[in-house]
Amino acid sequence: MDSMEKIFGKTAQMTVLKNLIKNQNEPTYLSGIAEETGLSHSSVSRVIEPLVASGIVQEKPLGKQIRTFQLDMENEATNVIVDFYNKINELIK
């Protein structure tokens, strides 16, 4: 259990967000997130939508059915979240 889970609990959305933070410089697919986190494809799809709607995550279509996802590091809220994540992991072990 990492610092974020100690504070906020382990949820699918937190798991997806942490995965995107850890891979913030790499676009990824729903299936890639699902494979790395152990969540189902449908769970990842469900919890990533609010992150996209809030502008924290960018969604880019590649063809008709393939989409990639990546943190929007130009979004101020995203930067606050990433900074918080990094700082809280330094403080709480």
N, C-alpha and C. Protein backbone atom coordinates (compact mmCIF):
# COMPACT_ATOMS: atom_id res chain seq x y z
N MET A 1 0.86 -1.17 0.00
CA MET A 1 0.00 0.00 0.00
C MET A 1 0.90 1.24 0.00
N ASP A 2 0.64 2.14 -0.94
CA ASP A 2 1.45 3.36 -0.98
C ASP A 2 0.75 4.48 -0.22
N SER A 3 1.39 5.64 -0.19
CA SER A 3 0.89 6.77 0.59
C SER A 3 -0.50 7.21 0.17
N MET A 4 -0.77 7.25 -1.12
CA MET A 4 -2.08 7.68 -1.61
C MET A 4 -3.16 6.73 -1.14
N GLU A 5 -2.88 5.43 -1.17
CA GLU A 5 -3.87 4.45 -0.71
C GLU A 5 -4.09 4.55 0.78
N LYS A 6 -3.04 4.85 1.55
CA LYS A 6 -3.19 5.01 2.99
C LYS A 6 -4.14 6.16 3.31
N ILE A 7 -4.08 7.22 2.53
CA ILE A 7 -4.89 8.41 2.80
C ILE A 7 -6.28 8.29 2.20
N PHE A 8 -6.37 7.91 0.93
CA PHE A 8 -7.64 7.96 0.20
C PHE A 8 -8.29 6.60 -0.01
N GLY A 9 -7.60 5.53 0.32
CA GLY A 9 -8.12 4.20 0.08
C GLY A 9 -7.79 3.75 -1.34
N LYS A 10 -7.96 2.46 -1.56
CA LYS A 10 -7.66 1.91 -2.88
C LYS A 10 -8.94 1.86 -3.70
N THR A 11 -9.00 2.71 -4.71
CA THR A 11 -10.15 2.72 -5.61
C THR A 11 -9.63 2.53 -7.03
N ALA A 12 -10.51 2.15 -7.90
CA ALA A 12 -10.12 1.96 -9.31
C ALA A 12 -9.64 3.28 -9.90
N GLN A 13 -10.31 4.38 -9.58
CA GLN A 13 -9.91 5.67 -10.14
C GLN A 13 -8.53 6.09 -9.63
N MET A 14 -8.26 5.86 -8.35
CA MET A 14 -6.95 6.18 -7.80
C MET A 14 -5.88 5.30 -8.46
N THR A 15 -6.18 4.05 -8.68
CA THR A 15 -5.24 3.14 -9.31
C THR A 15 -4.91 3.60 -10.73
N VAL A 16 -5.91 4.01 -11.48
CA VAL A 16 -5.71 4.50 -12.85
C VAL A 16 -4.91 5.80 -12.82
N LEU A 17 -5.26 6.70 -11.94
CA LEU A 17 -4.56 7.98 -11.85
C LEU A 17 -3.09 7.77 -11.50
N LYS A 18 -2.81 6.90 -10.54
CA LYS A 18 -1.41 6.61 -10.18
C LYS A 18 -0.65 6.02 -11.36
N ASN A 19 -1.30 5.15 -12.12
CA ASN A 19 -0.66 4.57 -13.30
C ASN A 19 -0.32 5.66 -14.32
N LEU A 20 -1.24 6.58 -14.54
CA LEU A 20 -1.00 7.67 -15.49
C LEU A 20 0.10 8.61 -14.99
N ILE A 21 0.16 8.84 -13.68
CA ILE A 21 1.22 9.69 -13.12
C ILE A 21 2.57 9.01 -13.31
N LYS A 22 2.64 7.74 -13.03
CA LYS A 22 3.91 7.01 -13.17
C LYS A 22 4.38 6.95 -14.62
N ASN A 23 3.45 7.01 -15.56
CA ASN A 23 3.77 6.94 -16.99
C ASN A 23 3.41 8.24 -17.69
N GLN A 24 3.59 9.37 -17.00
CA GLN A 24 3.06 10.64 -17.50
C GLN A 24 3.64 11.10 -18.82
N ASN A 25 4.79 10.62 -19.22
CA ASN A 25 5.39 11.04 -20.49
C ASN A 25 5.08 10.10 -21.63
N GLU A 26 4.25 9.10 -21.37
CA GLU A 26 3.93 8.08 -22.37
C GLU A 26 2.42 7.99 -22.60
N PRO A 27 1.96 8.15 -23.82
CA PRO A 27 0.53 7.87 -24.07
C PRO A 27 0.29 6.37 -23.93
N THR A 28 -0.90 6.01 -23.49
CA THR A 28 -1.21 4.61 -23.28
C THR A 28 -2.64 4.32 -23.72
N TYR A 29 -2.97 3.07 -23.79
CA TYR A 29 -4.29 2.60 -24.21
C TYR A 29 -5.05 2.09 -22.99
N LEU A 30 -6.37 2.00 -23.10
CA LEU A 30 -7.16 1.41 -22.02
C LEU A 30 -6.67 0.02 -21.68
N SER A 31 -6.38 -0.77 -22.69
CA SER A 31 -5.93 -2.14 -22.44
C SER A 31 -4.57 -2.16 -21.74
N GLY A 32 -3.71 -1.20 -22.04
CA GLY A 32 -2.42 -1.11 -21.38
C GLY A 32 -2.57 -0.77 -19.91
N ILE A 33 -3.46 0.17 -19.62
CA ILE A 33 -3.72 0.54 -18.23
C ILE A 33 -4.31 -0.65 -17.49
N ALA A 34 -5.26 -1.32 -18.13
CA ALA A 34 -5.89 -2.49 -17.51
C ALA A 34 -4.86 -3.57 -17.20
N GLU A 35 -3.98 -3.83 -18.14
CA GLU A 35 -2.96 -4.86 -17.95
C GLU A 35 -2.00 -4.49 -16.82
N GLU A 36 -1.56 -3.24 -16.78
CA GLU A 36 -0.60 -2.81 -15.77
C GLU A 36 -1.19 -2.73 -14.37
N THR A 37 -2.48 -2.42 -14.29
CA THR A 37 -3.10 -2.22 -12.97
C THR A 37 -3.84 -3.46 -12.47
N GLY A 38 -4.16 -4.38 -13.35
CA GLY A 38 -4.94 -5.54 -12.95
C GLY A 38 -6.44 -5.28 -12.93
N LEU A 39 -6.84 -4.10 -13.36
CA LEU A 39 -8.27 -3.78 -13.45
C LEU A 39 -8.84 -4.28 -14.77
N SER A 40 -10.14 -4.45 -14.82
CA SER A 40 -10.77 -4.86 -16.07
C SER A 40 -10.80 -3.66 -17.03
N HIS A 41 -10.90 -3.98 -18.30
CA HIS A 41 -10.99 -2.95 -19.34
C HIS A 41 -12.19 -2.05 -19.07
N SER A 42 -13.32 -2.63 -18.69
CA SER A 42 -14.53 -1.84 -18.45
C SER A 42 -14.36 -0.93 -17.23
N SER A 43 -13.67 -1.40 -16.20
CA SER A 43 -13.43 -0.55 -15.03
C SER A 43 -12.55 0.65 -15.38
N VAL A 44 -11.50 0.40 -16.16
CA VAL A 44 -10.62 1.49 -16.58
C VAL A 44 -11.41 2.50 -17.41
N SER A 45 -12.21 2.00 -18.34
CA SER A 45 -13.02 2.87 -19.19
C SER A 45 -13.96 3.73 -18.36
N ARG A 46 -14.58 3.13 -17.36
CA ARG A 46 -15.54 3.84 -16.51
C ARG A 46 -14.86 4.93 -15.69
N VAL A 47 -13.72 4.64 -15.09
CA VAL A 47 -13.11 5.61 -14.17
C VAL A 47 -12.25 6.65 -14.87
N ILE A 48 -11.86 6.39 -16.12
CA ILE A 48 -11.04 7.37 -16.81
C ILE A 48 -11.89 8.51 -17.38
N GLU A 49 -13.17 8.26 -17.62
CA GLU A 49 -14.04 9.28 -18.20
C GLU A 49 -14.10 10.57 -17.38
N PRO A 50 -14.27 10.51 -16.04
CA PRO A 50 -14.27 11.77 -15.27
C PRO A 50 -12.92 12.49 -15.32
N LEU A 51 -11.83 11.74 -15.43
CA LEU A 51 -10.51 12.36 -15.54
C LEU A 51 -10.36 13.09 -16.87
N VAL A 52 -10.93 12.52 -17.92
CA VAL A 52 -10.93 13.19 -19.23
C VAL A 52 -11.84 14.41 -19.19
N ALA A 53 -13.03 14.25 -18.63
CA ALA A 53 -14.01 15.35 -18.57
C ALA A 53 -13.47 16.54 -17.78
N SER A 54 -12.65 16.27 -16.78
CA SER A 54 -12.11 17.36 -15.96
C SER A 54 -10.87 18.01 -16.59
N GLY A 55 -10.36 17.43 -17.67
CA GLY A 55 -9.20 17.99 -18.35
C GLY A 55 -7.87 17.52 -17.80
N ILE A 56 -7.89 16.64 -16.82
CA ILE A 56 -6.65 16.12 -16.24
C ILE A 56 -5.98 15.15 -17.21
N VAL A 57 -6.79 14.41 -17.93
CA VAL A 57 -6.29 13.43 -18.89
C VAL A 57 -6.73 13.82 -20.29
N GLN A 58 -5.81 13.71 -21.23
CA GLN A 58 -6.11 13.95 -22.64
C GLN A 58 -6.45 12.62 -23.30
N GLU A 59 -7.47 12.64 -24.10
CA GLU A 59 -7.86 11.47 -24.89
C GLU A 59 -7.64 11.81 -26.36
N LYS A 60 -6.93 10.93 -27.06
CA LYS A 60 -6.69 11.15 -28.49
C LYS A 60 -7.10 9.89 -29.25
N PRO A 61 -8.02 10.06 -30.21
CA PRO A 61 -8.43 8.91 -31.00
C PRO A 61 -7.36 8.53 -32.02
N LEU A 62 -7.20 7.24 -32.19
CA LEU A 62 -6.34 6.68 -33.24
C LEU A 62 -7.20 5.72 -34.04
N GLY A 63 -7.84 6.22 -35.05
CA GLY A 63 -8.77 5.39 -35.81
C GLY A 63 -10.15 5.44 -35.20
N LYS A 64 -10.98 4.46 -35.57
CA LYS A 64 -12.37 4.47 -35.14
C LYS A 64 -12.57 3.96 -33.72
N GLN A 65 -11.80 2.99 -33.29
CA GLN A 65 -12.05 2.39 -31.99
C GLN A 65 -10.89 2.52 -31.00
N ILE A 66 -9.75 2.93 -31.45
CA ILE A 66 -8.58 3.00 -30.58
C ILE A 66 -8.41 4.42 -30.07
N ARG A 67 -8.21 4.53 -28.75
CA ARG A 67 -7.97 5.83 -28.12
C ARG A 67 -6.73 5.72 -27.24
N THR A 68 -5.95 6.81 -27.19
CA THR A 68 -4.83 6.85 -26.26
C THR A 68 -5.14 7.87 -25.17
N PHE A 69 -4.50 7.68 -24.03
CA PHE A 69 -4.71 8.55 -22.88
C PHE A 69 -3.37 8.95 -22.30
N GLN A 70 -3.32 10.21 -21.84
CA GLN A 70 -2.10 10.72 -21.24
C GLN A 70 -2.47 11.91 -20.35
N LEU A 71 -1.73 12.07 -19.25
CA LEU A 71 -1.97 13.25 -18.42
C LEU A 71 -1.74 14.50 -19.24
N ASP A 72 -2.58 15.51 -19.02
CA ASP A 72 -2.40 16.80 -19.68
C ASP A 72 -1.53 17.66 -18.78
N MET A 73 -0.23 17.65 -19.03
CA MET A 73 0.71 18.36 -18.17
C MET A 73 0.67 19.88 -18.37
N GLU A 74 -0.14 20.35 -19.31
CA GLU A 74 -0.34 21.79 -19.48
C GLU A 74 -1.52 22.27 -18.63
N ASN A 75 -2.26 21.34 -18.06
CA ASN A 75 -3.39 21.67 -17.21
C ASN A 75 -2.88 21.93 -15.80
N GLU A 76 -3.24 23.08 -15.23
CA GLU A 76 -2.76 23.45 -13.90
C GLU A 76 -3.19 22.45 -12.83
N ALA A 77 -4.42 21.95 -12.92
CA ALA A 77 -4.91 20.98 -11.94
C ALA A 77 -4.09 19.69 -12.00
N THR A 78 -3.72 19.27 -13.19
CA THR A 78 -2.88 18.07 -13.34
C THR A 78 -1.55 18.27 -12.63
N ASN A 79 -0.94 19.42 -12.81
CA ASN A 79 0.33 19.69 -12.17
C ASN A 79 0.21 19.70 -10.65
N VAL A 80 -0.88 20.24 -10.13
CA VAL A 80 -1.10 20.23 -8.68
C VAL A 80 -1.22 18.80 -8.18
N ILE A 81 -1.96 17.97 -8.90
CA ILE A 81 -2.14 16.56 -8.51
C ILE A 81 -0.81 15.82 -8.53
N VAL A 82 -0.02 16.01 -9.58
CA VAL A 82 1.28 15.33 -9.69
C VAL A 82 2.22 15.81 -8.58
N ASP A 83 2.24 17.11 -8.33
CA ASP A 83 3.08 17.64 -7.25
C ASP A 83 2.65 17.07 -5.90
N PHE A 84 1.34 17.03 -5.66
CA PHE A 84 0.83 16.46 -4.41
C PHE A 84 1.25 15.00 -4.29
N TYR A 85 1.07 14.24 -5.34
CA TYR A 85 1.43 12.82 -5.34
C TYR A 85 2.91 12.64 -4.98
N ASN A 86 3.77 13.41 -5.62
CA ASN A 86 5.20 13.29 -5.36
C ASN A 86 5.55 13.72 -3.93
N LYS A 87 4.97 14.80 -3.47
CA LYS A 87 5.28 15.29 -2.12
C LYS A 87 4.75 14.36 -1.04
N ILE A 88 3.55 13.86 -1.21
CA ILE A 88 2.97 12.99 -0.19
C ILE A 88 3.74 11.68 -0.10
N ASN A 89 4.26 11.21 -1.22
CA ASN A 89 5.07 9.98 -1.19
C ASN A 89 6.42 10.21 -0.54
N GLU A 90 6.92 11.44 -0.56
CA GLU A 90 8.15 11.76 0.16
C GLU A 90 7.90 11.81 1.68
N LEU A 91 6.74 12.32 2.07
CA LEU A 91 6.45 12.53 3.49
C LEU A 91 5.96 11.30 4.22
N ILE A 92 5.14 10.51 3.54
CA ILE A 92 4.52 9.34 4.17
C ILE A 92 5.04 8.08 3.48
N LYS A 93 5.61 7.25 4.26
CA LYS A 93 6.17 6.00 3.69
C LYS A 93 5.46 4.81 4.24
